[in-house]
PDBML (XML) file of the C-alpha atoms, coordinates in Angstrom:
<?xml version="1.0" encoding="UTF-8" ?>
<PDBx:datablock datablockName="MODEL"
   xmlns:PDBx="http://pdbml.pdb.org/schema/pdbx-v50.xsd"
   xmlns:xsi="http://www.w3.org/2001/XMLSchema-instance"
   xsi:schemaLocation="http://pdbml.pdb.org/schema/pdbx-v50.xsd pdbx-v50.xsd">
   <PDBx:atom_siteCategory>
      <PDBx:atom_site id="1">
         <PDBx:B_iso_or_equiv>0.00</PDBx:B_iso_or_equiv>
         <PDBx:Cartn_x>-14.074</PDBx:Cartn_x>
         <PDBx:Cartn_y>-0.446</PDBx:Cartn_y>
         <PDBx:Cartn_z>0.775</PDBx:Cartn_z>
         <PDBx:auth_asym_id>A</PDBx:auth_asym_id>
         <PDBx:auth_atom_id>CA</PDBx:auth_atom_id>
         <PDBx:auth_comp_id>ALA</PDBx:auth_comp_id>
         <PDBx:auth_seq_id>1</PDBx:auth_seq_id>
         <PDBx:group_PDB>ATOM</PDBx:group_PDB>
         <PDBx:label_alt_id xsi:nil="true" />
         <PDBx:label_asym_id>A</PDBx:label_asym_id>
         <PDBx:label_atom_id>CA</PDBx:label_atom_id>
         <PDBx:label_comp_id>ALA</PDBx:label_comp_id>
         <PDBx:label_entity_id>1</PDBx:label_entity_id>
         <PDBx:label_seq_id>1</PDBx:label_seq_id>
         <PDBx:occupancy>1.00</PDBx:occupancy>
         <PDBx:pdbx_PDB_model_num>1</PDBx:pdbx_PDB_model_num>
         <PDBx:type_symbol>C</PDBx:type_symbol>
      </PDBx:atom_site>
      <PDBx:atom_site id="2">
         <PDBx:B_iso_or_equiv>0.00</PDBx:B_iso_or_equiv>
         <PDBx:Cartn_x>-13.475</PDBx:Cartn_x>
         <PDBx:Cartn_y>0.554</PDBx:Cartn_y>
         <PDBx:Cartn_z>4.411</PDBx:Cartn_z>
         <PDBx:auth_asym_id>A</PDBx:auth_asym_id>
         <PDBx:auth_atom_id>CA</PDBx:auth_atom_id>
         <PDBx:auth_comp_id>ASP</PDBx:auth_comp_id>
         <PDBx:auth_seq_id>2</PDBx:auth_seq_id>
         <PDBx:group_PDB>ATOM</PDBx:group_PDB>
         <PDBx:label_alt_id xsi:nil="true" />
         <PDBx:label_asym_id>A</PDBx:label_asym_id>
         <PDBx:label_atom_id>CA</PDBx:label_atom_id>
         <PDBx:label_comp_id>ASP</PDBx:label_comp_id>
         <PDBx:label_entity_id>1</PDBx:label_entity_id>
         <PDBx:label_seq_id>2</PDBx:label_seq_id>
         <PDBx:occupancy>1.00</PDBx:occupancy>
         <PDBx:pdbx_PDB_model_num>1</PDBx:pdbx_PDB_model_num>
         <PDBx:type_symbol>C</PDBx:type_symbol>
      </PDBx:atom_site>
      <PDBx:atom_site id="3">
         <PDBx:B_iso_or_equiv>0.00</PDBx:B_iso_or_equiv>
         <PDBx:Cartn_x>-10.272</PDBx:Cartn_x>
         <PDBx:Cartn_y>2.390</PDBx:Cartn_y>
         <PDBx:Cartn_z>3.483</PDBx:Cartn_z>
         <PDBx:auth_asym_id>A</PDBx:auth_asym_id>
         <PDBx:auth_atom_id>CA</PDBx:auth_atom_id>
         <PDBx:auth_comp_id>TRP</PDBx:auth_comp_id>
         <PDBx:auth_seq_id>3</PDBx:auth_seq_id>
         <PDBx:group_PDB>ATOM</PDBx:group_PDB>
         <PDBx:label_alt_id xsi:nil="true" />
         <PDBx:label_asym_id>A</PDBx:label_asym_id>
         <PDBx:label_atom_id>CA</PDBx:label_atom_id>
         <PDBx:label_comp_id>TRP</PDBx:label_comp_id>
         <PDBx:label_entity_id>1</PDBx:label_entity_id>
         <PDBx:label_seq_id>3</PDBx:label_seq_id>
         <PDBx:occupancy>1.00</PDBx:occupancy>
         <PDBx:pdbx_PDB_model_num>1</PDBx:pdbx_PDB_model_num>
         <PDBx:type_symbol>C</PDBx:type_symbol>
      </PDBx:atom_site>
      <PDBx:atom_site id="4">
         <PDBx:B_iso_or_equiv>0.00</PDBx:B_iso_or_equiv>
         <PDBx:Cartn_x>-12.020</PDBx:Cartn_x>
         <PDBx:Cartn_y>4.279</PDBx:Cartn_y>
         <PDBx:Cartn_z>0.691</PDBx:Cartn_z>
         <PDBx:auth_asym_id>A</PDBx:auth_asym_id>
         <PDBx:auth_atom_id>CA</PDBx:auth_atom_id>
         <PDBx:auth_comp_id>LEU</PDBx:auth_comp_id>
         <PDBx:auth_seq_id>4</PDBx:auth_seq_id>
         <PDBx:group_PDB>ATOM</PDBx:group_PDB>
         <PDBx:label_alt_id xsi:nil="true" />
         <PDBx:label_asym_id>A</PDBx:label_asym_id>
         <PDBx:label_atom_id>CA</PDBx:label_atom_id>
         <PDBx:label_comp_id>LEU</PDBx:label_comp_id>
         <PDBx:label_entity_id>1</PDBx:label_entity_id>
         <PDBx:label_seq_id>4</PDBx:label_seq_id>
         <PDBx:occupancy>1.00</PDBx:occupancy>
         <PDBx:pdbx_PDB_model_num>1</PDBx:pdbx_PDB_model_num>
         <PDBx:type_symbol>C</PDBx:type_symbol>
      </PDBx:atom_site>
      <PDBx:atom_site id="5">
         <PDBx:B_iso_or_equiv>0.00</PDBx:B_iso_or_equiv>
         <PDBx:Cartn_x>-14.842</PDBx:Cartn_x>
         <PDBx:Cartn_y>5.183</PDBx:Cartn_y>
         <PDBx:Cartn_z>3.055</PDBx:Cartn_z>
         <PDBx:auth_asym_id>A</PDBx:auth_asym_id>
         <PDBx:auth_atom_id>CA</PDBx:auth_atom_id>
         <PDBx:auth_comp_id>ALA</PDBx:auth_comp_id>
         <PDBx:auth_seq_id>5</PDBx:auth_seq_id>
         <PDBx:group_PDB>ATOM</PDBx:group_PDB>
         <PDBx:label_alt_id xsi:nil="true" />
         <PDBx:label_asym_id>A</PDBx:label_asym_id>
         <PDBx:label_atom_id>CA</PDBx:label_atom_id>
         <PDBx:label_comp_id>ALA</PDBx:label_comp_id>
         <PDBx:label_entity_id>1</PDBx:label_entity_id>
         <PDBx:label_seq_id>5</PDBx:label_seq_id>
         <PDBx:occupancy>1.00</PDBx:occupancy>
         <PDBx:pdbx_PDB_model_num>1</PDBx:pdbx_PDB_model_num>
         <PDBx:type_symbol>C</PDBx:type_symbol>
      </PDBx:atom_site>
      <PDBx:atom_site id="6">
         <PDBx:B_iso_or_equiv>0.00</PDBx:B_iso_or_equiv>
         <PDBx:Cartn_x>-12.350</PDBx:Cartn_x>
         <PDBx:Cartn_y>6.488</PDBx:Cartn_y>
         <PDBx:Cartn_z>5.612</PDBx:Cartn_z>
         <PDBx:auth_asym_id>A</PDBx:auth_asym_id>
         <PDBx:auth_atom_id>CA</PDBx:auth_atom_id>
         <PDBx:auth_comp_id>ALA</PDBx:auth_comp_id>
         <PDBx:auth_seq_id>6</PDBx:auth_seq_id>
         <PDBx:group_PDB>ATOM</PDBx:group_PDB>
         <PDBx:label_alt_id xsi:nil="true" />
         <PDBx:label_asym_id>A</PDBx:label_asym_id>
         <PDBx:label_atom_id>CA</PDBx:label_atom_id>
         <PDBx:label_comp_id>ALA</PDBx:label_comp_id>
         <PDBx:label_entity_id>1</PDBx:label_entity_id>
         <PDBx:label_seq_id>6</PDBx:label_seq_id>
         <PDBx:occupancy>1.00</PDBx:occupancy>
         <PDBx:pdbx_PDB_model_num>1</PDBx:pdbx_PDB_model_num>
         <PDBx:type_symbol>C</PDBx:type_symbol>
      </PDBx:atom_site>
      <PDBx:atom_site id="7">
         <PDBx:B_iso_or_equiv>0.00</PDBx:B_iso_or_equiv>
         <PDBx:Cartn_x>-10.467</PDBx:Cartn_x>
         <PDBx:Cartn_y>8.456</PDBx:Cartn_y>
         <PDBx:Cartn_z>2.930</PDBx:Cartn_z>
         <PDBx:auth_asym_id>A</PDBx:auth_asym_id>
         <PDBx:auth_atom_id>CA</PDBx:auth_atom_id>
         <PDBx:auth_comp_id>ASN</PDBx:auth_comp_id>
         <PDBx:auth_seq_id>7</PDBx:auth_seq_id>
         <PDBx:group_PDB>ATOM</PDBx:group_PDB>
         <PDBx:label_alt_id xsi:nil="true" />
         <PDBx:label_asym_id>A</PDBx:label_asym_id>
         <PDBx:label_atom_id>CA</PDBx:label_atom_id>
         <PDBx:label_comp_id>ASN</PDBx:label_comp_id>
         <PDBx:label_entity_id>1</PDBx:label_entity_id>
         <PDBx:label_seq_id>7</PDBx:label_seq_id>
         <PDBx:occupancy>1.00</PDBx:occupancy>
         <PDBx:pdbx_PDB_model_num>1</PDBx:pdbx_PDB_model_num>
         <PDBx:type_symbol>C</PDBx:type_symbol>
      </PDBx:atom_site>
      <PDBx:atom_site id="8">
         <PDBx:B_iso_or_equiv>0.00</PDBx:B_iso_or_equiv>
         <PDBx:Cartn_x>-13.226</PDBx:Cartn_x>
         <PDBx:Cartn_y>10.092</PDBx:Cartn_y>
         <PDBx:Cartn_z>0.880</PDBx:Cartn_z>
         <PDBx:auth_asym_id>A</PDBx:auth_asym_id>
         <PDBx:auth_atom_id>CA</PDBx:auth_atom_id>
         <PDBx:auth_comp_id>PRO</PDBx:auth_comp_id>
         <PDBx:auth_seq_id>8</PDBx:auth_seq_id>
         <PDBx:group_PDB>ATOM</PDBx:group_PDB>
         <PDBx:label_alt_id xsi:nil="true" />
         <PDBx:label_asym_id>A</PDBx:label_asym_id>
         <PDBx:label_atom_id>CA</PDBx:label_atom_id>
         <PDBx:label_comp_id>PRO</PDBx:label_comp_id>
         <PDBx:label_entity_id>1</PDBx:label_entity_id>
         <PDBx:label_seq_id>8</PDBx:label_seq_id>
         <PDBx:occupancy>1.00</PDBx:occupancy>
         <PDBx:pdbx_PDB_model_num>1</PDBx:pdbx_PDB_model_num>
         <PDBx:type_symbol>C</PDBx:type_symbol>
      </PDBx:atom_site>
      <PDBx:atom_site id="9">
         <PDBx:B_iso_or_equiv>0.00</PDBx:B_iso_or_equiv>
         <PDBx:Cartn_x>-10.819</PDBx:Cartn_x>
         <PDBx:Cartn_y>12.363</PDBx:Cartn_y>
         <PDBx:Cartn_z>-1.019</PDBx:Cartn_z>
         <PDBx:auth_asym_id>A</PDBx:auth_asym_id>
         <PDBx:auth_atom_id>CA</PDBx:auth_atom_id>
         <PDBx:auth_comp_id>ASN</PDBx:auth_comp_id>
         <PDBx:auth_seq_id>9</PDBx:auth_seq_id>
         <PDBx:group_PDB>ATOM</PDBx:group_PDB>
         <PDBx:label_alt_id xsi:nil="true" />
         <PDBx:label_asym_id>A</PDBx:label_asym_id>
         <PDBx:label_atom_id>CA</PDBx:label_atom_id>
         <PDBx:label_comp_id>ASN</PDBx:label_comp_id>
         <PDBx:label_entity_id>1</PDBx:label_entity_id>
         <PDBx:label_seq_id>9</PDBx:label_seq_id>
         <PDBx:occupancy>1.00</PDBx:occupancy>
         <PDBx:pdbx_PDB_model_num>1</PDBx:pdbx_PDB_model_num>
         <PDBx:type_symbol>C</PDBx:type_symbol>
      </PDBx:atom_site>
      <PDBx:atom_site id="10">
         <PDBx:B_iso_or_equiv>0.00</PDBx:B_iso_or_equiv>
         <PDBx:Cartn_x>-8.672</PDBx:Cartn_x>
         <PDBx:Cartn_y>9.496</PDBx:Cartn_y>
         <PDBx:Cartn_z>-2.293</PDBx:Cartn_z>
         <PDBx:auth_asym_id>A</PDBx:auth_asym_id>
         <PDBx:auth_atom_id>CA</PDBx:auth_atom_id>
         <PDBx:auth_comp_id>LYS</PDBx:auth_comp_id>
         <PDBx:auth_seq_id>10</PDBx:auth_seq_id>
         <PDBx:group_PDB>ATOM</PDBx:group_PDB>
         <PDBx:label_alt_id xsi:nil="true" />
         <PDBx:label_asym_id>A</PDBx:label_asym_id>
         <PDBx:label_atom_id>CA</PDBx:label_atom_id>
         <PDBx:label_comp_id>LYS</PDBx:label_comp_id>
         <PDBx:label_entity_id>1</PDBx:label_entity_id>
         <PDBx:label_seq_id>10</PDBx:label_seq_id>
         <PDBx:occupancy>1.00</PDBx:occupancy>
         <PDBx:pdbx_PDB_model_num>1</PDBx:pdbx_PDB_model_num>
         <PDBx:type_symbol>C</PDBx:type_symbol>
      </PDBx:atom_site>
      <PDBx:atom_site id="11">
         <PDBx:B_iso_or_equiv>0.00</PDBx:B_iso_or_equiv>
         <PDBx:Cartn_x>-8.984</PDBx:Cartn_x>
         <PDBx:Cartn_y>7.531</PDBx:Cartn_y>
         <PDBx:Cartn_z>-5.538</PDBx:Cartn_z>
         <PDBx:auth_asym_id>A</PDBx:auth_asym_id>
         <PDBx:auth_atom_id>CA</PDBx:auth_atom_id>
         <PDBx:auth_comp_id>ARG</PDBx:auth_comp_id>
         <PDBx:auth_seq_id>11</PDBx:auth_seq_id>
         <PDBx:group_PDB>ATOM</PDBx:group_PDB>
         <PDBx:label_alt_id xsi:nil="true" />
         <PDBx:label_asym_id>A</PDBx:label_asym_id>
         <PDBx:label_atom_id>CA</PDBx:label_atom_id>
         <PDBx:label_comp_id>ARG</PDBx:label_comp_id>
         <PDBx:label_entity_id>1</PDBx:label_entity_id>
         <PDBx:label_seq_id>11</PDBx:label_seq_id>
         <PDBx:occupancy>1.00</PDBx:occupancy>
         <PDBx:pdbx_PDB_model_num>1</PDBx:pdbx_PDB_model_num>
         <PDBx:type_symbol>C</PDBx:type_symbol>
      </PDBx:atom_site>
      <PDBx:atom_site id="12">
         <PDBx:B_iso_or_equiv>0.00</PDBx:B_iso_or_equiv>
         <PDBx:Cartn_x>-7.443</PDBx:Cartn_x>
         <PDBx:Cartn_y>4.191</PDBx:Cartn_y>
         <PDBx:Cartn_z>-6.399</PDBx:Cartn_z>
         <PDBx:auth_asym_id>A</PDBx:auth_asym_id>
         <PDBx:auth_atom_id>CA</PDBx:auth_atom_id>
         <PDBx:auth_comp_id>VAL</PDBx:auth_comp_id>
         <PDBx:auth_seq_id>12</PDBx:auth_seq_id>
         <PDBx:group_PDB>ATOM</PDBx:group_PDB>
         <PDBx:label_alt_id xsi:nil="true" />
         <PDBx:label_asym_id>A</PDBx:label_asym_id>
         <PDBx:label_atom_id>CA</PDBx:label_atom_id>
         <PDBx:label_comp_id>VAL</PDBx:label_comp_id>
         <PDBx:label_entity_id>1</PDBx:label_entity_id>
         <PDBx:label_seq_id>12</PDBx:label_seq_id>
         <PDBx:occupancy>1.00</PDBx:occupancy>
         <PDBx:pdbx_PDB_model_num>1</PDBx:pdbx_PDB_model_num>
         <PDBx:type_symbol>C</PDBx:type_symbol>
      </PDBx:atom_site>
      <PDBx:atom_site id="13">
         <PDBx:B_iso_or_equiv>0.00</PDBx:B_iso_or_equiv>
         <PDBx:Cartn_x>-6.293</PDBx:Cartn_x>
         <PDBx:Cartn_y>2.337</PDBx:Cartn_y>
         <PDBx:Cartn_z>-9.504</PDBx:Cartn_z>
         <PDBx:auth_asym_id>A</PDBx:auth_asym_id>
         <PDBx:auth_atom_id>CA</PDBx:auth_atom_id>
         <PDBx:auth_comp_id>THR</PDBx:auth_comp_id>
         <PDBx:auth_seq_id>13</PDBx:auth_seq_id>
         <PDBx:group_PDB>ATOM</PDBx:group_PDB>
         <PDBx:label_alt_id xsi:nil="true" />
         <PDBx:label_asym_id>A</PDBx:label_asym_id>
         <PDBx:label_atom_id>CA</PDBx:label_atom_id>
         <PDBx:label_comp_id>THR</PDBx:label_comp_id>
         <PDBx:label_entity_id>1</PDBx:label_entity_id>
         <PDBx:label_seq_id>13</PDBx:label_seq_id>
         <PDBx:occupancy>1.00</PDBx:occupancy>
         <PDBx:pdbx_PDB_model_num>1</PDBx:pdbx_PDB_model_num>
         <PDBx:type_symbol>C</PDBx:type_symbol>
      </PDBx:atom_site>
      <PDBx:atom_site id="14">
         <PDBx:B_iso_or_equiv>0.00</PDBx:B_iso_or_equiv>
         <PDBx:Cartn_x>-6.801</PDBx:Cartn_x>
         <PDBx:Cartn_y>-1.420</PDBx:Cartn_y>
         <PDBx:Cartn_z>-9.818</PDBx:Cartn_z>
         <PDBx:auth_asym_id>A</PDBx:auth_asym_id>
         <PDBx:auth_atom_id>CA</PDBx:auth_atom_id>
         <PDBx:auth_comp_id>ILE</PDBx:auth_comp_id>
         <PDBx:auth_seq_id>14</PDBx:auth_seq_id>
         <PDBx:group_PDB>ATOM</PDBx:group_PDB>
         <PDBx:label_alt_id xsi:nil="true" />
         <PDBx:label_asym_id>A</PDBx:label_asym_id>
         <PDBx:label_atom_id>CA</PDBx:label_atom_id>
         <PDBx:label_comp_id>ILE</PDBx:label_comp_id>
         <PDBx:label_entity_id>1</PDBx:label_entity_id>
         <PDBx:label_seq_id>14</PDBx:label_seq_id>
         <PDBx:occupancy>1.00</PDBx:occupancy>
         <PDBx:pdbx_PDB_model_num>1</PDBx:pdbx_PDB_model_num>
         <PDBx:type_symbol>C</PDBx:type_symbol>
      </PDBx:atom_site>
      <PDBx:atom_site id="15">
         <PDBx:B_iso_or_equiv>0.00</PDBx:B_iso_or_equiv>
         <PDBx:Cartn_x>-4.313</PDBx:Cartn_x>
         <PDBx:Cartn_y>-3.203</PDBx:Cartn_y>
         <PDBx:Cartn_z>-12.073</PDBx:Cartn_z>
         <PDBx:auth_asym_id>A</PDBx:auth_asym_id>
         <PDBx:auth_atom_id>CA</PDBx:auth_atom_id>
         <PDBx:auth_comp_id>THR</PDBx:auth_comp_id>
         <PDBx:auth_seq_id>15</PDBx:auth_seq_id>
         <PDBx:group_PDB>ATOM</PDBx:group_PDB>
         <PDBx:label_alt_id xsi:nil="true" />
         <PDBx:label_asym_id>A</PDBx:label_asym_id>
         <PDBx:label_atom_id>CA</PDBx:label_atom_id>
         <PDBx:label_comp_id>THR</PDBx:label_comp_id>
         <PDBx:label_entity_id>1</PDBx:label_entity_id>
         <PDBx:label_seq_id>15</PDBx:label_seq_id>
         <PDBx:occupancy>1.00</PDBx:occupancy>
         <PDBx:pdbx_PDB_model_num>1</PDBx:pdbx_PDB_model_num>
         <PDBx:type_symbol>C</PDBx:type_symbol>
      </PDBx:atom_site>
      <PDBx:atom_site id="16">
         <PDBx:B_iso_or_equiv>0.00</PDBx:B_iso_or_equiv>
         <PDBx:Cartn_x>-5.029</PDBx:Cartn_x>
         <PDBx:Cartn_y>-6.658</PDBx:Cartn_y>
         <PDBx:Cartn_z>-13.470</PDBx:Cartn_z>
         <PDBx:auth_asym_id>A</PDBx:auth_asym_id>
         <PDBx:auth_atom_id>CA</PDBx:auth_atom_id>
         <PDBx:auth_comp_id>GLY</PDBx:auth_comp_id>
         <PDBx:auth_seq_id>16</PDBx:auth_seq_id>
         <PDBx:group_PDB>ATOM</PDBx:group_PDB>
         <PDBx:label_alt_id xsi:nil="true" />
         <PDBx:label_asym_id>A</PDBx:label_asym_id>
         <PDBx:label_atom_id>CA</PDBx:label_atom_id>
         <PDBx:label_comp_id>GLY</PDBx:label_comp_id>
         <PDBx:label_entity_id>1</PDBx:label_entity_id>
         <PDBx:label_seq_id>16</PDBx:label_seq_id>
         <PDBx:occupancy>1.00</PDBx:occupancy>
         <PDBx:pdbx_PDB_model_num>1</PDBx:pdbx_PDB_model_num>
         <PDBx:type_symbol>C</PDBx:type_symbol>
      </PDBx:atom_site>
      <PDBx:atom_site id="17">
         <PDBx:B_iso_or_equiv>0.00</PDBx:B_iso_or_equiv>
         <PDBx:Cartn_x>-2.250</PDBx:Cartn_x>
         <PDBx:Cartn_y>-9.166</PDBx:Cartn_y>
         <PDBx:Cartn_z>-14.144</PDBx:Cartn_z>
         <PDBx:auth_asym_id>A</PDBx:auth_asym_id>
         <PDBx:auth_atom_id>CA</PDBx:auth_atom_id>
         <PDBx:auth_comp_id>HIS</PDBx:auth_comp_id>
         <PDBx:auth_seq_id>17</PDBx:auth_seq_id>
         <PDBx:group_PDB>ATOM</PDBx:group_PDB>
         <PDBx:label_alt_id xsi:nil="true" />
         <PDBx:label_asym_id>A</PDBx:label_asym_id>
         <PDBx:label_atom_id>CA</PDBx:label_atom_id>
         <PDBx:label_comp_id>HIS</PDBx:label_comp_id>
         <PDBx:label_entity_id>1</PDBx:label_entity_id>
         <PDBx:label_seq_id>17</PDBx:label_seq_id>
         <PDBx:occupancy>1.00</PDBx:occupancy>
         <PDBx:pdbx_PDB_model_num>1</PDBx:pdbx_PDB_model_num>
         <PDBx:type_symbol>C</PDBx:type_symbol>
      </PDBx:atom_site>
      <PDBx:atom_site id="18">
         <PDBx:B_iso_or_equiv>0.00</PDBx:B_iso_or_equiv>
         <PDBx:Cartn_x>-2.233</PDBx:Cartn_x>
         <PDBx:Cartn_y>-12.520</PDBx:Cartn_y>
         <PDBx:Cartn_z>-15.940</PDBx:Cartn_z>
         <PDBx:auth_asym_id>A</PDBx:auth_asym_id>
         <PDBx:auth_atom_id>CA</PDBx:auth_atom_id>
         <PDBx:auth_comp_id>THR</PDBx:auth_comp_id>
         <PDBx:auth_seq_id>18</PDBx:auth_seq_id>
         <PDBx:group_PDB>ATOM</PDBx:group_PDB>
         <PDBx:label_alt_id xsi:nil="true" />
         <PDBx:label_asym_id>A</PDBx:label_asym_id>
         <PDBx:label_atom_id>CA</PDBx:label_atom_id>
         <PDBx:label_comp_id>THR</PDBx:label_comp_id>
         <PDBx:label_entity_id>1</PDBx:label_entity_id>
         <PDBx:label_seq_id>18</PDBx:label_seq_id>
         <PDBx:occupancy>1.00</PDBx:occupancy>
         <PDBx:pdbx_PDB_model_num>1</PDBx:pdbx_PDB_model_num>
         <PDBx:type_symbol>C</PDBx:type_symbol>
      </PDBx:atom_site>
      <PDBx:atom_site id="19">
         <PDBx:B_iso_or_equiv>0.00</PDBx:B_iso_or_equiv>
         <PDBx:Cartn_x>0.106</PDBx:Cartn_x>
         <PDBx:Cartn_y>-15.456</PDBx:Cartn_y>
         <PDBx:Cartn_z>-16.279</PDBx:Cartn_z>
         <PDBx:auth_asym_id>A</PDBx:auth_asym_id>
         <PDBx:auth_atom_id>CA</PDBx:auth_atom_id>
         <PDBx:auth_comp_id>ASP</PDBx:auth_comp_id>
         <PDBx:auth_seq_id>19</PDBx:auth_seq_id>
         <PDBx:group_PDB>ATOM</PDBx:group_PDB>
         <PDBx:label_alt_id xsi:nil="true" />
         <PDBx:label_asym_id>A</PDBx:label_asym_id>
         <PDBx:label_atom_id>CA</PDBx:label_atom_id>
         <PDBx:label_comp_id>ASP</PDBx:label_comp_id>
         <PDBx:label_entity_id>1</PDBx:label_entity_id>
         <PDBx:label_seq_id>19</PDBx:label_seq_id>
         <PDBx:occupancy>1.00</PDBx:occupancy>
         <PDBx:pdbx_PDB_model_num>1</PDBx:pdbx_PDB_model_num>
         <PDBx:type_symbol>C</PDBx:type_symbol>
      </PDBx:atom_site>
      <PDBx:atom_site id="20">
         <PDBx:B_iso_or_equiv>0.00</PDBx:B_iso_or_equiv>
         <PDBx:Cartn_x>1.931</PDBx:Cartn_x>
         <PDBx:Cartn_y>-16.087</PDBx:Cartn_y>
         <PDBx:Cartn_z>-19.566</PDBx:Cartn_z>
         <PDBx:auth_asym_id>A</PDBx:auth_asym_id>
         <PDBx:auth_atom_id>CA</PDBx:auth_atom_id>
         <PDBx:auth_comp_id>THR</PDBx:auth_comp_id>
         <PDBx:auth_seq_id>20</PDBx:auth_seq_id>
         <PDBx:group_PDB>ATOM</PDBx:group_PDB>
         <PDBx:label_alt_id xsi:nil="true" />
         <PDBx:label_asym_id>A</PDBx:label_asym_id>
         <PDBx:label_atom_id>CA</PDBx:label_atom_id>
         <PDBx:label_comp_id>THR</PDBx:label_comp_id>
         <PDBx:label_entity_id>1</PDBx:label_entity_id>
         <PDBx:label_seq_id>20</PDBx:label_seq_id>
         <PDBx:occupancy>1.00</PDBx:occupancy>
         <PDBx:pdbx_PDB_model_num>1</PDBx:pdbx_PDB_model_num>
         <PDBx:type_symbol>C</PDBx:type_symbol>
      </PDBx:atom_site>
      <PDBx:atom_site id="21">
         <PDBx:B_iso_or_equiv>0.00</PDBx:B_iso_or_equiv>
         <PDBx:Cartn_x>-0.658</PDBx:Cartn_x>
         <PDBx:Cartn_y>-18.452</PDBx:Cartn_y>
         <PDBx:Cartn_z>-21.018</PDBx:Cartn_z>
         <PDBx:auth_asym_id>A</PDBx:auth_asym_id>
         <PDBx:auth_atom_id>CA</PDBx:auth_atom_id>
         <PDBx:auth_comp_id>SER</PDBx:auth_comp_id>
         <PDBx:auth_seq_id>21</PDBx:auth_seq_id>
         <PDBx:group_PDB>ATOM</PDBx:group_PDB>
         <PDBx:label_alt_id xsi:nil="true" />
         <PDBx:label_asym_id>A</PDBx:label_asym_id>
         <PDBx:label_atom_id>CA</PDBx:label_atom_id>
         <PDBx:label_comp_id>SER</PDBx:label_comp_id>
         <PDBx:label_entity_id>1</PDBx:label_entity_id>
         <PDBx:label_seq_id>21</PDBx:label_seq_id>
         <PDBx:occupancy>1.00</PDBx:occupancy>
         <PDBx:pdbx_PDB_model_num>1</PDBx:pdbx_PDB_model_num>
         <PDBx:type_symbol>C</PDBx:type_symbol>
      </PDBx:atom_site>
      <PDBx:atom_site id="22">
         <PDBx:B_iso_or_equiv>0.00</PDBx:B_iso_or_equiv>
         <PDBx:Cartn_x>-2.031</PDBx:Cartn_x>
         <PDBx:Cartn_y>-17.148</PDBx:Cartn_y>
         <PDBx:Cartn_z>-24.315</PDBx:Cartn_z>
         <PDBx:auth_asym_id>A</PDBx:auth_asym_id>
         <PDBx:auth_atom_id>CA</PDBx:auth_atom_id>
         <PDBx:auth_comp_id>GLY</PDBx:auth_comp_id>
         <PDBx:auth_seq_id>22</PDBx:auth_seq_id>
         <PDBx:group_PDB>ATOM</PDBx:group_PDB>
         <PDBx:label_alt_id xsi:nil="true" />
         <PDBx:label_asym_id>A</PDBx:label_asym_id>
         <PDBx:label_atom_id>CA</PDBx:label_atom_id>
         <PDBx:label_comp_id>GLY</PDBx:label_comp_id>
         <PDBx:label_entity_id>1</PDBx:label_entity_id>
         <PDBx:label_seq_id>22</PDBx:label_seq_id>
         <PDBx:occupancy>1.00</PDBx:occupancy>
         <PDBx:pdbx_PDB_model_num>1</PDBx:pdbx_PDB_model_num>
         <PDBx:type_symbol>C</PDBx:type_symbol>
      </PDBx:atom_site>
      <PDBx:atom_site id="23">
         <PDBx:B_iso_or_equiv>0.00</PDBx:B_iso_or_equiv>
         <PDBx:Cartn_x>-1.031</PDBx:Cartn_x>
         <PDBx:Cartn_y>-14.268</PDBx:Cartn_y>
         <PDBx:Cartn_z>-26.565</PDBx:Cartn_z>
         <PDBx:auth_asym_id>A</PDBx:auth_asym_id>
         <PDBx:auth_atom_id>CA</PDBx:auth_atom_id>
         <PDBx:auth_comp_id>GLN</PDBx:auth_comp_id>
         <PDBx:auth_seq_id>23</PDBx:auth_seq_id>
         <PDBx:group_PDB>ATOM</PDBx:group_PDB>
         <PDBx:label_alt_id xsi:nil="true" />
         <PDBx:label_asym_id>A</PDBx:label_asym_id>
         <PDBx:label_atom_id>CA</PDBx:label_atom_id>
         <PDBx:label_comp_id>GLN</PDBx:label_comp_id>
         <PDBx:label_entity_id>1</PDBx:label_entity_id>
         <PDBx:label_seq_id>23</PDBx:label_seq_id>
         <PDBx:occupancy>1.00</PDBx:occupancy>
         <PDBx:pdbx_PDB_model_num>1</PDBx:pdbx_PDB_model_num>
         <PDBx:type_symbol>C</PDBx:type_symbol>
      </PDBx:atom_site>
      <PDBx:atom_site id="24">
         <PDBx:B_iso_or_equiv>0.00</PDBx:B_iso_or_equiv>
         <PDBx:Cartn_x>0.315</PDBx:Cartn_x>
         <PDBx:Cartn_y>-11.028</PDBx:Cartn_y>
         <PDBx:Cartn_z>-25.109</PDBx:Cartn_z>
         <PDBx:auth_asym_id>A</PDBx:auth_asym_id>
         <PDBx:auth_atom_id>CA</PDBx:auth_atom_id>
         <PDBx:auth_comp_id>ALA</PDBx:auth_comp_id>
         <PDBx:auth_seq_id>24</PDBx:auth_seq_id>
         <PDBx:group_PDB>ATOM</PDBx:group_PDB>
         <PDBx:label_alt_id xsi:nil="true" />
         <PDBx:label_asym_id>A</PDBx:label_asym_id>
         <PDBx:label_atom_id>CA</PDBx:label_atom_id>
         <PDBx:label_comp_id>ALA</PDBx:label_comp_id>
         <PDBx:label_entity_id>1</PDBx:label_entity_id>
         <PDBx:label_seq_id>24</PDBx:label_seq_id>
         <PDBx:occupancy>1.00</PDBx:occupancy>
         <PDBx:pdbx_PDB_model_num>1</PDBx:pdbx_PDB_model_num>
         <PDBx:type_symbol>C</PDBx:type_symbol>
      </PDBx:atom_site>
   </PDBx:atom_siteCategory>
</PDBx:datablock>
C-alpha cells in the first residue's frame, strides 16, 4: 500500500498460486 501511494501512476497485478491438491 505504501509503494502504491508513493507511485500513484503505477498499477500492479496480483497472481494467486495453489499447491497441486485438487483438480487443475
